[in-house]
Amino acid sequence: MADTYNIKDPLVVIGSGPSLEFVDFNILQDFDTFSINDACYSYEKMNWYPKYYGAFDEDWVDSNKKQIKKIIDSPISNLFFFNDTNINKKDNVTLIEKQFHHDIKTSLELWVPWHETIETAIDVIKSENDITTLAAKNIIMRLIGNHDLPPSILASGIIKTMRGEKLSPEDYNKPTPKEFQEKCKRKMPQSLQEFYRYDGTPSTHIAVEIGVLLGYKKIILLGVDCSYHIDNKKNRFWDLDNQKFIDDVNLASKRIGEEGYDIEKAIEHQNNNHFKEWDILNEWLIEKNIDVVNCSAYTELDVFPQGMLEMELGIEELEPL
């Protein structure tokens, strides 16, 4: 695969944090880069394009199809999307085979003694979200995997988990069969044809996983700040509200600091999901002997060592003391 994508270490994975305002993108021209999501609106204006681009939320992809079609015909070498997005396959488009970490049918069969629990949970989830039975089953499987729910859980526990409520002893019933525990073990992506997707996984996290599967041994993170603050109003790329490029990087972005945006919930989601996902990823990276350095100008993600971009790229030597 490394030959197919003509890789050259390191790979620079670019998030969307406000620390990107300190980055000179000109120095990245000769390096392999991976950019994500809203950044696609800014490339033409910046006269800069990444080598790779990815968007991994099917709803976001669907609502931004026009721009995605535009960048498919841009200088970007390869674009990555999951196979459940409505994107046509082209030479420079890779559709990743998204999978659950255990298949729905097998998991439900293992839950036979608690079949009524599953059926009850399905009915509640369907009625609350106006979705199909299959979609409700998918949600249950994600809840089981992402929150390590045992088969001893009752329907009340599944629904509470979906709502983010605290579980109590009354939400459990029987002991957990070892067979089901084995089925529910966390799986990391094996290839682009066997890519396990979990709720709460950041897009930059997925970009790192793809980079490893492509064959990169060193990955540099930029704009991976993992920081939510009221005064955090800087966005290097795109003003979503006004649908225009932000020349003044101090303008407010859509998500952070906007009136009505619940900062506390954003922080809680990040602490409960994003940081956990990065910890899991780091264990996988260590097993594969992948070197990751976070060169974001400021960051609250402390899983990886931090470094200076120019030094990690080898374009600036450390001056002797």
C-alpha atoms as a PDB file:
ATOM      1  CA  MET A   1       0.000   0.000   0.000  1.00  0.00           C
ATOM      2  CA  ALA A   2       2.913   2.349   0.698  1.00  0.00           C
ATOM      3  CA  ASP A   3       3.917   2.054  -2.965  1.00  0.00           C
ATOM      4  CA  THR A   4       0.341   2.676  -4.114  1.00  0.00           C
ATOM      5  CA  TYR A   5       0.116   5.980  -2.253  1.00  0.00           C
ATOM      6  CA  ASN A   6       3.775   6.979  -2.724  1.00  0.00           C
ATOM      7  CA  ILE A   7       4.197   7.843   0.943  1.00  0.00           C
ATOM      8  CA  LYS A   8       7.052   9.835   2.434  1.00  0.00           C
ATOM      9  CA  ASP A   9       7.438  10.163   6.203  1.00  0.00           C
ATOM     10  CA  PRO A  10       6.375  12.075   8.152  1.00  0.00           C
ATOM     11  CA  LEU A  11       2.651  12.482   7.630  1.00  0.00           C
ATOM     12  CA  VAL A  12       1.258  15.769   8.986  1.00  0.00           C
ATOM     13  CA  VAL A  13      -2.340  15.309  10.186  1.00  0.00           C
ATOM     14  CA  ILE A  14      -4.095  18.669  10.413  1.00  0.00           C
ATOM     15  CA  GLY A  15      -7.042  19.210  12.739  1.00  0.00           C
ATOM     16  CA  SER A  16      -9.165  22.338  12.949  1.00  0.00           C
ATOM     17  CA  GLY A  17      -8.057  23.850  16.250  1.00  0.00           C
ATOM     18  CA  PRO A  18      -7.427  27.592  16.552  1.00  0.00           C
ATOM     19  CA  SER A  19      -3.699  27.023  17.128  1.00  0.00           C
ATOM     20  CA  LEU A  20      -3.466  26.675  13.328  1.00  0.00           C
ATOM     21  CA  GLU A  21      -3.280  30.453  13.149  1.00  0.00           C
ATOM     22  CA  PHE A  22       0.388  30.094  14.110  1.00  0.00           C
ATOM     23  CA  VAL A  23       1.191  27.699  11.250  1.00  0.00           C
ATOM     24  CA  ASP A  24       2.908  28.813   8.052  1.00  0.00           C
ATOM     25  CA  PHE A  25       1.326  26.449   5.531  1.00  0.00           C
ATOM     26  CA  ASN A  26       3.988  27.265   2.950  1.00  0.00           C
ATOM     27  CA  ILE A  27       6.495  25.102   4.792  1.00  0.00           C
ATOM     28  CA  LEU A  28       4.180  22.117   4.366  1.00  0.00           C
ATOM     29  CA  GLN A  29       4.213  22.207   0.549  1.00  0.00           C
ATOM     30  CA  ASP A  30       6.840  19.469   0.202  1.00  0.00           C
ATOM     31  CA  PHE A  31       5.470  17.212   2.939  1.00  0.00           C
ATOM     32  CA  ASP A  32       2.675  14.650   3.025  1.00  0.00           C
ATOM     33  CA  THR A  33      -0.361  16.208   4.716  1.00  0.00           C
ATOM     34  CA  PHE A  34      -3.835  15.004   5.690  1.00  0.00           C
ATOM     35  CA  SER A  35      -6.602  17.580   6.188  1.00  0.00           C
ATOM     36  CA  ILE A  36     -10.229  17.058   7.188  1.00  0.00           C
ATOM     37  CA  ASN A  37     -13.808  18.343   7.152  1.00  0.00           C
ATOM     38  CA  ASP A  38     -14.502  22.098   6.801  1.00  0.00           C
ATOM     39  CA  ALA A  39     -10.956  22.843   5.705  1.00  0.00           C
ATOM     40  CA  CYS A  40     -11.977  21.887   2.165  1.00  0.00           C
ATOM     41  CA  TYR A  41     -13.610  25.307   1.755  1.00  0.00           C
ATOM     42  CA  SER A  42     -10.341  27.162   2.193  1.00  0.00           C
ATOM     43  CA  TYR A  43      -7.812  25.396  -0.036  1.00  0.00           C
ATOM     44  CA  GLU A  44      -8.407  27.426  -3.179  1.00  0.00           C
ATOM     45  CA  LYS A  45      -8.255  30.720  -1.309  1.00  0.00           C
ATOM     46  CA  MET A  46      -5.084  29.679   0.502  1.00  0.00           C
ATOM     47  CA  ASN A  47      -3.525  28.331  -2.698  1.00  0.00           C
ATOM     48  CA  TRP A  48      -2.593  25.292  -0.662  1.00  0.00           C
ATOM     49  CA  TYR A  49      -3.878  21.730  -0.925  1.00  0.00           C
ATOM     50  CA  PRO A  50      -3.147  18.716   1.265  1.00  0.00           C
ATOM     51  CA  LYS A  51      -2.011  15.435  -0.195  1.00  0.00           C
ATOM     52  CA  TYR A  52      -4.915  13.662   1.508  1.00  0.00           C
ATOM     53  CA  TYR A  53      -8.375  14.787   2.530  1.00  0.00           C
ATOM     54  CA  GLY A  54     -10.998  12.979   4.610  1.00  0.00           C
ATOM     55  CA  ALA A  55     -14.549  13.516   5.903  1.00  0.00           C
ATOM     56  CA  PHE A  56     -16.042  10.750   8.018  1.00  0.00           C
ATOM     57  CA  ASP A  57     -19.498  11.896   9.076  1.00  0.00           C
ATOM     58  CA  GLU A  58     -22.118  10.826   6.540  1.00  0.00           C
ATOM     59  CA  ASP A  59     -24.480  13.678   7.445  1.00  0.00           C
ATOM     60  CA  TRP A  60     -21.746  16.283   7.039  1.00  0.00           C
ATOM     61  CA  VAL A  61     -20.652  14.769   3.731  1.00  0.00           C
ATOM     62  CA  ASP A  62     -24.218  14.760   2.456  1.00  0.00           C
ATOM     63  CA  SER A  63     -24.763  18.429   3.324  1.00  0.00           C
ATOM     64  CA  ASN A  64     -21.446  19.514   1.773  1.00  0.00           C
ATOM     65  CA  LYS A  65     -21.568  17.445  -1.417  1.00  0.00           C
ATOM     66  CA  LYS A  66     -21.118  20.397  -3.763  1.00  0.00           C
ATOM     67  CA  GLN A  67     -17.803  21.417  -2.210  1.00  0.00           C
ATOM     68  CA  ILE A  68     -16.597  17.833  -1.965  1.00  0.00           C
ATOM     69  CA  LYS A  69     -17.234  17.300  -5.676  1.00  0.00           C
ATOM     70  CA  LYS A  70     -15.177  20.411  -6.299  1.00  0.00           C
ATOM     71  CA  ILE A  71     -12.141  19.258  -4.339  1.00  0.00           C
ATOM     72  CA  ILE A  72     -12.280  15.796  -5.905  1.00  0.00           C
ATOM     73  CA  ASP A  73     -11.145  17.566  -9.082  1.00  0.00           C
ATOM     74  CA  SER A  74      -8.498  19.599  -7.217  1.00  0.00           C
ATOM     75  CA  PRO A  75      -4.741  18.860  -6.801  1.00  0.00           C
ATOM     76  CA  ILE A  76      -5.502  16.629  -3.785  1.00  0.00           C
ATOM     77  CA  SER A  77      -3.991  13.200  -4.487  1.00  0.00           C
ATOM     78  CA  ASN A  78      -6.380  11.021  -2.481  1.00  0.00           C
ATOM     79  CA  LEU A  79      -9.677  11.563  -0.700  1.00  0.00           C
ATOM     80  CA  PHE A  80     -11.092   9.191   1.915  1.00  0.00           C
ATOM     81  CA  PHE A  81     -14.726   8.636   2.875  1.00  0.00           C
ATOM     82  CA  PHE A  82     -16.642   5.793   4.467  1.00  0.00           C
ATOM     83  CA  ASN A  83     -18.527   3.524   2.101  1.00  0.00           C
ATOM     84  CA  ASP A  84     -21.948   4.546   3.479  1.00  0.00           C
ATOM     85  CA  THR A  85     -21.544   8.094   2.165  1.00  0.00           C
ATOM     86  CA  ASN A  86     -23.072   8.990  -1.178  1.00  0.00           C
ATOM     87  CA  ILE A  87     -19.765   9.668  -2.942  1.00  0.00           C
ATOM     88  CA  ASN A  88     -18.976   8.157  -6.325  1.00  0.00           C
ATOM     89  CA  LYS A  89     -15.825   6.078  -6.575  1.00  0.00           C
ATOM     90  CA  LYS A  90     -13.089   7.706  -8.655  1.00  0.00           C
ATOM     91  CA  ASP A  91      -9.397   7.049  -9.151  1.00  0.00           C
ATOM     92  CA  ASN A  92      -8.450   9.456  -6.361  1.00  0.00           C
ATOM     93  CA  VAL A  93     -11.359   8.540  -4.050  1.00  0.00           C
ATOM     94  CA  THR A  94     -11.022   5.696  -1.543  1.00  0.00           C
ATOM     95  CA  LEU A  95     -14.197   4.389   0.074  1.00  0.00           C
ATOM     96  CA  ILE A  96     -13.321   2.803   3.404  1.00  0.00           C
ATOM     97  CA  GLU A  97     -15.286  -0.292   4.387  1.00  0.00           C
ATOM     98  CA  LYS A  98     -16.809   0.750   7.711  1.00  0.00           C
ATOM     99  CA  GLN A  99     -17.669  -2.077  10.067  1.00  0.00           C
ATOM    100  CA  PHE A 100     -18.999  -2.507  13.560  1.00  0.00           C
ATOM    101  CA  HIS A 101     -16.607  -4.290  15.888  1.00  0.00           C
ATOM    102  CA  HIS A 102     -19.022  -7.220  16.125  1.00  0.00           C
ATOM    103  CA  ASP A 103     -21.790  -8.067  13.742  1.00  0.00           C
ATOM    104  CA  ILE A 104     -25.352  -7.302  14.741  1.00  0.00           C
ATOM    105  CA  LYS A 105     -26.841 -10.730  14.049  1.00  0.00           C
ATOM    106  CA  THR A 106     -24.275 -12.661  16.103  1.00  0.00           C
ATOM    107  CA  SER A 107     -24.478 -10.203  18.975  1.00  0.00           C
ATOM    108  CA  LEU A 108     -28.264 -10.339  19.123  1.00  0.00           C
ATOM    109  CA  GLU A 109     -28.218 -14.140  19.074  1.00  0.00           C
ATOM    110  CA  LEU A 110     -25.900 -14.100  22.091  1.00  0.00           C
ATOM    111  CA  TRP A 111     -28.474 -11.923  23.789  1.00  0.00           C
ATOM    112  CA  VAL A 112     -31.240 -14.534  23.359  1.00  0.00           C
ATOM    113  CA  PRO A 113     -31.872 -14.943  27.132  1.00  0.00           C
ATOM    114  CA  TRP A 114     -32.440 -11.185  27.241  1.00  0.00           C
ATOM    115  CA  HIS A 115     -34.350 -10.946  23.962  1.00  0.00           C
ATOM    116  CA  GLU A 116     -37.166  -9.005  25.610  1.00  0.00           C
ATOM    117  CA  THR A 117     -34.619  -6.470  26.861  1.00  0.00           C
ATOM    118  CA  ILE A 118     -33.371  -5.846  23.322  1.00  0.00           C
ATOM    119  CA  GLU A 119     -36.870  -5.659  21.852  1.00  0.00           C
ATOM    120  CA  THR A 120     -37.966  -3.193  24.530  1.00  0.00           C
ATOM    121  CA  ALA A 121     -34.909  -1.017  23.949  1.00  0.00           C
ATOM    122  CA  ILE A 122     -35.472  -1.123  20.182  1.00  0.00           C
ATOM    123  CA  ASP A 123     -39.075   0.034  20.591  1.00  0.00           C
ATOM    124  CA  VAL A 124     -38.076   2.970  22.815  1.00  0.00           C
ATOM    125  CA  ILE A 125     -35.207   4.061  20.565  1.00  0.00           C
ATOM    126  CA  LYS A 126     -37.422   3.827  17.469  1.00  0.00           C
ATOM    127  CA  SER A 127     -40.166   5.914  19.024  1.00  0.00           C
ATOM    128  CA  GLU A 128     -37.815   8.571  20.406  1.00  0.00           C
ATOM    129  CA  ASN A 129     -35.821   8.978  17.210  1.00  0.00           C
ATOM    130  CA  ASP A 130     -38.364   8.090  14.499  1.00  0.00           C
ATOM    131  CA  ILE A 131     -36.028   5.533  12.896  1.00  0.00           C
ATOM    132  CA  THR A 132     -36.207   1.991  11.523  1.00  0.00           C
ATOM    133  CA  THR A 133     -35.715  -1.213  13.479  1.00  0.00           C
ATOM    134  CA  LEU A 134     -32.333  -1.815  11.831  1.00  0.00           C
ATOM    135  CA  ALA A 135     -31.176   1.708  12.704  1.00  0.00           C
ATOM    136  CA  ALA A 136     -32.268   1.153  16.311  1.00  0.00           C
ATOM    137  CA  LYS A 137     -30.323  -2.128  16.413  1.00  0.00           C
ATOM    138  CA  ASN A 138     -27.277  -0.315  15.064  1.00  0.00           C
ATOM    139  CA  ILE A 139     -27.550   2.245  17.866  1.00  0.00           C
ATOM    140  CA  ILE A 140     -27.773  -0.545  20.451  1.00  0.00           C
ATOM    141  CA  MET A 141     -24.687  -2.239  19.052  1.00  0.00           C
ATOM    142  CA  ARG A 142     -22.765   1.029  19.207  1.00  0.00           C
ATOM    143  CA  LEU A 143     -23.878   1.593  22.790  1.00  0.00           C
ATOM    144  CA  ILE A 144     -22.804  -1.939  23.715  1.00  0.00           C
ATOM    145  CA  GLY A 145     -19.350  -1.521  22.216  1.00  0.00           C
ATOM    146  CA  ASN A 146     -18.605   2.100  23.083  1.00  0.00           C
ATOM    147  CA  HIS A 147     -19.760   1.797  26.687  1.00  0.00           C
ATOM    148  CA  ASP A 148     -18.782  -1.853  27.346  1.00  0.00           C
ATOM    149  CA  LEU A 149     -22.376  -2.785  28.226  1.00  0.00           C
ATOM    150  CA  PRO A 150     -22.699  -6.430  29.356  1.00  0.00           C
ATOM    151  CA  PRO A 151     -25.629  -8.703  28.435  1.00  0.00           C
ATOM    152  CA  SER A 152     -26.715  -8.335  32.069  1.00  0.00           C
ATOM    153  CA  ILE A 153     -27.917  -4.840  31.197  1.00  0.00           C
ATOM    154  CA  LEU A 154     -31.667  -4.283  31.147  1.00  0.00           C
ATOM    155  CA  ALA A 155     -33.574  -2.155  28.649  1.00  0.00           C
ATOM    156  CA  SER A 156     -33.615   0.681  31.191  1.00  0.00           C
ATOM    157  CA  GLY A 157     -29.809   0.620  31.256  1.00  0.00           C
ATOM    158  CA  ILE A 158     -29.544   0.764  27.472  1.00  0.00           C
ATOM    159  CA  ILE A 159     -31.918   3.721  27.300  1.00  0.00           C
ATOM    160  CA  LYS A 160     -30.117   5.520  30.139  1.00  0.00           C
ATOM    161  CA  THR A 161     -26.806   5.016  28.363  1.00  0.00           C
ATOM    162  CA  MET A 162     -28.235   6.456  25.163  1.00  0.00           C
ATOM    163  CA  ARG A 163     -29.463   9.491  27.100  1.00  0.00           C
ATOM    164  CA  GLY A 164     -26.176   9.934  28.949  1.00  0.00           C
ATOM    165  CA  GLU A 165     -27.767   9.159  32.324  1.00  0.00           C
ATOM    166  CA  LYS A 166     -26.039   7.390  35.213  1.00  0.00           C
ATOM    167  CA  LEU A 167     -26.703   3.655  35.600  1.00  0.00           C
ATOM    168  CA  SER A 168     -27.781   2.012  38.854  1.00  0.00           C
ATOM    169  CA  PRO A 169     -27.669  -1.640  40.077  1.00  0.00           C
ATOM    170  CA  GLU A 170     -31.343  -1.969  39.109  1.00  0.00           C
ATOM    171  CA  ASP A 171     -30.323  -1.574  35.450  1.00  0.00           C
ATOM    172  CA  TYR A 172     -28.519  -4.952  35.446  1.00  0.00           C
ATOM    173  CA  ASN A 173     -29.763  -8.524  35.609  1.00  0.00           C
ATOM    174  CA  LYS A 174     -27.616 -11.578  34.813  1.00  0.00           C
ATOM    175  CA  PRO A 175     -23.829 -12.241  34.747  1.00  0.00           C
ATOM    176  CA  THR A 176     -21.916 -11.498  31.564  1.00  0.00           C
ATOM    177  CA  PRO A 177     -21.185 -14.577  29.380  1.00  0.00           C
ATOM    178  CA  LYS A 178     -17.513 -14.774  28.436  1.00  0.00           C
ATOM    179  CA  GLU A 179     -18.481 -15.461  24.826  1.00  0.00           C
ATOM    180  CA  PHE A 180     -20.211 -12.113  24.551  1.00  0.00           C
ATOM    181  CA  GLN A 181     -17.323 -10.326  26.275  1.00  0.00           C
ATOM    182  CA  GLU A 182     -14.981 -11.737  23.632  1.00  0.00           C
ATOM    183  CA  LYS A 183     -17.293 -10.521  20.863  1.00  0.00           C
ATOM    184  CA  CYS A 184     -17.379  -7.050  22.382  1.00  0.00           C
ATOM    185  CA  LYS A 185     -13.624  -6.580  22.679  1.00  0.00           C
ATOM    186  CA  ARG A 186     -12.416  -3.377  21.077  1.00  0.00           C
ATOM    187  CA  LYS A 187     -10.973  -3.863  17.580  1.00  0.00           C
ATOM    188  CA  MET A 188      -8.671  -1.498  15.752  1.00  0.00           C
ATOM    189  CA  PRO A 189      -8.740  -1.127  11.948  1.00  0.00           C
ATOM    190  CA  GLN A 190      -7.068  -3.986  10.100  1.00  0.00           C
ATOM    191  CA  SER A 191      -7.146  -2.415   6.624  1.00  0.00           C
ATOM    192  CA  LEU A 192      -9.142   0.072   4.569  1.00  0.00           C
ATOM    193  CA  GLN A 193     -11.438  -2.875   3.814  1.00  0.00           C
ATOM    194  CA  GLU A 194     -11.899  -3.739   7.498  1.00  0.00           C
ATOM    195  CA  PHE A 195     -12.145  -0.434   9.344  1.00  0.00           C
ATOM    196  CA  TYR A 196     -13.886  -0.424  12.704  1.00  0.00           C
ATOM    197  CA  ARG A 197     -15.734   2.818  13.429  1.00  0.00           C
ATOM    198  CA  TYR A 198     -16.847   3.966  16.876  1.00  0.00           C
ATOM    199  CA  ASP A 199     -19.067   6.833  18.013  1.00  0.00           C
ATOM    200  CA  GLY A 200     -17.116   9.660  19.614  1.00  0.00           C
ATOM    201  CA  THR A 201     -13.996   9.081  17.525  1.00  0.00           C
ATOM    202  CA  PRO A 202     -12.487  12.431  16.377  1.00  0.00           C
ATOM    203  CA  SER A 203     -11.871  12.874  12.640  1.00  0.00           C
ATOM    204  CA  THR A 204      -8.159  13.539  13.249  1.00  0.00           C
ATOM    205  CA  HIS A 205      -8.015  10.233  15.118  1.00  0.00           C
ATOM    206  CA  ILE A 206      -9.424   8.455  12.047  1.00  0.00           C
ATOM    207  CA  ALA A 207      -6.942  10.290   9.792  1.00  0.00           C
ATOM    208  CA  VAL A 208      -4.085   8.989  11.965  1.00  0.00           C
ATOM    209  CA  GLU A 209      -5.434   5.430  11.692  1.00  0.00           C
ATOM    210  CA  ILE A 210      -5.610   5.759   7.910  1.00  0.00           C
ATOM    211  CA  GLY A 211      -2.060   7.113   7.835  1.00  0.00           C
ATOM    212  CA  VAL A 212      -0.820   4.058   9.722  1.00  0.00           C
ATOM    213  CA  LEU A 213      -2.664   1.724   7.337  1.00  0.00           C
ATOM    214  CA  LEU A 214      -1.061   3.526   4.393  1.00  0.00           C
ATOM    215  CA  GLY A 215       2.354   2.764   5.856  1.00  0.00           C
ATOM    216  CA  TYR A 216       3.522   5.928   7.626  1.00  0.00           C
ATOM    217  CA  LYS A 217       5.839   5.404  10.593  1.00  0.00           C
ATOM    218  CA  LYS A 218       5.963   8.982  11.855  1.00  0.00           C
ATOM    219  CA  ILE A 219       2.934  11.249  12.256  1.00  0.00           C
ATOM    220  CA  ILE A 220       2.874  14.913  13.243  1.00  0.00           C
ATOM    221  CA  LEU A 221      -0.297  16.475  14.635  1.00  0.00           C
ATOM    222  CA  LEU A 222      -1.206  20.103  13.934  1.00  0.00           C
ATOM    223  CA  GLY A 223      -4.259  21.982  15.154  1.00  0.00           C
ATOM    224  CA  VAL A 224      -5.204  19.090  17.423  1.00  0.00           C
ATOM    225  CA  ASP A 225      -5.876  21.342  20.396  1.00  0.00           C
ATOM    226  CA  CYS A 226      -8.651  19.401  22.181  1.00  0.00           C
ATOM    227  CA  SER A 227      -9.444  22.633  23.964  1.00  0.00           C
ATOM    228  CA  TYR A 228     -12.809  24.297  24.495  1.00  0.00           C
ATOM    229  CA  HIS A 229     -12.919  27.744  26.058  1.00  0.00           C
ATOM    230  CA  ILE A 230     -15.379  30.615  25.932  1.00  0.00           C
ATOM    231  CA  ASP A 231     -12.795  32.896  24.354  1.00  0.00           C
ATOM    232  CA  ASN A 232     -11.721  30.265  21.851  1.00  0.00           C
ATOM    233  CA  LYS A 233     -13.020  32.088  18.774  1.00  0.00           C
ATOM    234  CA  LYS A 234     -10.287  31.595  16.219  1.00  0.00           C
ATOM    235  CA  ASN A 235     -10.681  29.411  13.159  1.00  0.00           C
ATOM    236  CA  ARG A 236      -7.914  29.106  10.597  1.00  0.00           C
ATOM    237  CA  PHE A 237     -10.075  27.952   7.738  1.00  0.00           C
ATOM    238  CA  TRP A 238     -13.723  28.670   7.160  1.00  0.00           C
ATOM    239  CA  ASP A 239     -16.524  30.826   8.539  1.00  0.00           C
ATOM    240  CA  LEU A 240     -19.445  28.396   8.380  1.00  0.00           C
ATOM    241  CA  ASP A 241     -22.050  30.993   9.345  1.00  0.00           C
ATOM    242  CA  ASN A 242     -21.215  33.372   6.508  1.00  0.00           C
ATOM    243  CA  GLN A 243     -19.916  30.733   4.065  1.00  0.00           C
ATOM    244  CA  LYS A 244     -16.753  32.625   3.274  1.00  0.00           C
ATOM    245  CA  PHE A 245     -13.053  32.275   3.901  1.00  0.00           C
ATOM    246  CA  ILE A 246     -11.824  33.957   7.071  1.00  0.00           C
ATOM    247  CA  ASP A 247      -9.004  36.325   6.197  1.00  0.00           C
ATOM    248  CA  ASP A 248      -9.039  37.589   9.774  1.00  0.00           C
ATOM    249  CA  VAL A 249      -8.384  34.460  11.810  1.00  0.00           C
ATOM    250  CA  ASN A 250      -9.686  36.221  14.917  1.00  0.00           C
ATOM    251  CA  LEU A 251     -13.286  36.134  13.691  1.00  0.00           C
ATOM    252  CA  ALA A 252     -15.616  33.843  15.601  1.00  0.00           C
ATOM    253  CA  SER A 253     -16.116  30.338  14.285  1.00  0.00           C
ATOM    254  CA  LYS A 254     -19.540  28.735  14.216  1.00  0.00           C
ATOM    255  CA  ARG A 255     -19.079  26.307  17.047  1.00  0.00           C
ATOM    256  CA  ILE A 256     -16.969  27.919  19.760  1.00  0.00           C
ATOM    257  CA  GLY A 257     -18.152  30.755  21.942  1.00  0.00           C
ATOM    258  CA  GLU A 258     -21.346  31.278  19.971  1.00  0.00           C
ATOM    259  CA  GLU A 259     -24.406  32.348  21.919  1.00  0.00           C
ATOM    260  CA  GLY A 260     -26.457  29.287  22.807  1.00  0.00           C
ATOM    261  CA  TYR A 261     -23.530  26.881  22.389  1.00  0.00           C
ATOM    262  CA  ASP A 262     -23.190  24.718  25.500  1.00  0.00           C
ATOM    263  CA  ILE A 263     -19.485  24.812  26.309  1.00  0.00           C
ATOM    264  CA  GLU A 264     -19.905  22.599  29.381  1.00  0.00           C
ATOM    265  CA  LYS A 265     -21.502  19.833  27.324  1.00  0.00           C
ATOM    266  CA  ALA A 266     -18.735  20.120  24.733  1.00  0.00           C
ATOM    267  CA  ILE A 267     -16.104  19.745  27.441  1.00  0.00           C
ATOM    268  CA  GLU A 268     -17.971  16.796  28.989  1.00  0.00           C
ATOM    269  CA  HIS A 269     -18.253  15.070  25.592  1.00  0.00           C
ATOM    270  CA  GLN A 270     -14.564  15.605  24.959  1.00  0.00           C
ATOM    271  CA  ASN A 271     -13.522  14.297  28.358  1.00  0.00           C
ATOM    272  CA  ASN A 272     -15.841  11.279  28.164  1.00  0.00           C
ATOM    273  CA  ASN A 273     -15.184  10.352  24.539  1.00  0.00           C
ATOM    274  CA  HIS A 274     -12.362  12.080  22.692  1.00  0.00           C
ATOM    275  CA  PHE A 275      -9.617  11.700  25.296  1.00  0.00           C
ATOM    276  CA  LYS A 276     -10.593   8.063  25.854  1.00  0.00           C
ATOM    277  CA  GLU A 277     -10.383   7.433  22.115  1.00  0.00           C
ATOM    278  CA  TRP A 278      -6.916   8.996  21.909  1.00  0.00           C
ATOM    279  CA  ASP A 279      -5.711   6.804  24.805  1.00  0.00           C
ATOM    280  CA  ILE A 280      -6.936   3.689  22.993  1.00  0.00           C
ATOM    281  CA  LEU A 281      -5.314   4.826  19.762  1.00  0.00           C
ATOM    282  CA  ASN A 282      -2.005   5.475  21.504  1.00  0.00           C
ATOM    283  CA  GLU A 283      -1.856   1.880  22.769  1.00  0.00           C
ATOM    284  CA  TRP A 284      -2.330   0.656  19.186  1.00  0.00           C
ATOM    285  CA  LEU A 285       0.333   3.051  17.882  1.00  0.00           C
ATOM    286  CA  ILE A 286       2.830   1.864  20.494  1.00  0.00           C
ATOM    287  CA  GLU A 287       2.214  -1.754  19.477  1.00  0.00           C
ATOM    288  CA  LYS A 288       2.917  -0.821  15.853  1.00  0.00           C
ATOM    289  CA  ASN A 289       5.974   1.254  16.778  1.00  0.00           C
ATOM    290  CA  ILE A 290       4.530   4.436  15.260  1.00  0.00           C
ATOM    291  CA  ASP A 291       6.128   7.732  16.293  1.00  0.00           C
ATOM    292  CA  VAL A 292       3.546  10.488  16.930  1.00  0.00           C
ATOM    293  CA  VAL A 293       4.394  14.056  17.942  1.00  0.00           C
ATOM    294  CA  ASN A 294       1.849  16.783  18.652  1.00  0.00           C
ATOM    295  CA  CYS A 295       3.174  20.050  17.212  1.00  0.00           C
ATOM    296  CA  SER A 296       0.022  22.069  17.870  1.00  0.00           C
ATOM    297  CA  ALA A 297       1.030  25.475  19.242  1.00  0.00           C
ATOM    298  CA  TYR A 298      -1.084  24.762  22.303  1.00  0.00           C
ATOM    299  CA  THR A 299      -3.041  21.677  23.212  1.00  0.00           C
ATOM    300  CA  GLU A 300      -4.729  19.894  26.102  1.00  0.00           C
ATOM    301  CA  LEU A 301      -4.072  16.484  24.539  1.00  0.00           C
ATOM    302  CA  ASP A 302      -1.218  15.072  26.602  1.00  0.00           C
ATOM    303  CA  VAL A 303      -1.186  11.524  25.224  1.00  0.00           C
ATOM    304  CA  PHE A 304       1.653  12.248  22.795  1.00  0.00           C
ATOM    305  CA  PRO A 305       4.939  14.113  23.265  1.00  0.00           C
ATOM    306  CA  GLN A 306       4.917  17.703  22.041  1.00  0.00           C
ATOM    307  CA  GLY A 307       7.410  19.210  19.649  1.00  0.00           C
ATOM    308  CA  MET A 308       8.177  22.107  17.339  1.00  0.00           C
ATOM    309  CA  LEU A 309       6.940  21.682  13.773  1.00  0.00           C
ATOM    310  CA  GLU A 310      10.063  22.915  11.984  1.00  0.00           C
ATOM    311  CA  MET A 311      12.327  20.650  14.028  1.00  0.00           C
ATOM    312  CA  GLU A 312      10.123  17.591  13.529  1.00  0.00           C
ATOM    313  CA  LEU A 313      10.084  18.267   9.781  1.00  0.00           C
ATOM    314  CA  GLY A 314      13.869  18.545   9.834  1.00  0.00           C
ATOM    315  CA  ILE A 315      13.947  22.068   8.403  1.00  0.00           C
ATOM    316  CA  GLU A 316      15.280  23.776  11.505  1.00  0.00           C
ATOM    317  CA  GLU A 317      18.038  22.516  13.747  1.00  0.00           C
ATOM    318  CA  LEU A 318      18.024  23.072  17.505  1.00  0.00           C
ATOM    319  CA  GLU A 319      20.498  25.836  18.308  1.00  0.00           C
ATOM    320  CA  PRO A 320      23.170  24.844  20.842  1.00  0.00           C
ATOM    321  CA  LEU A 321      22.952  26.428  24.297  1.00  0.00           C
END
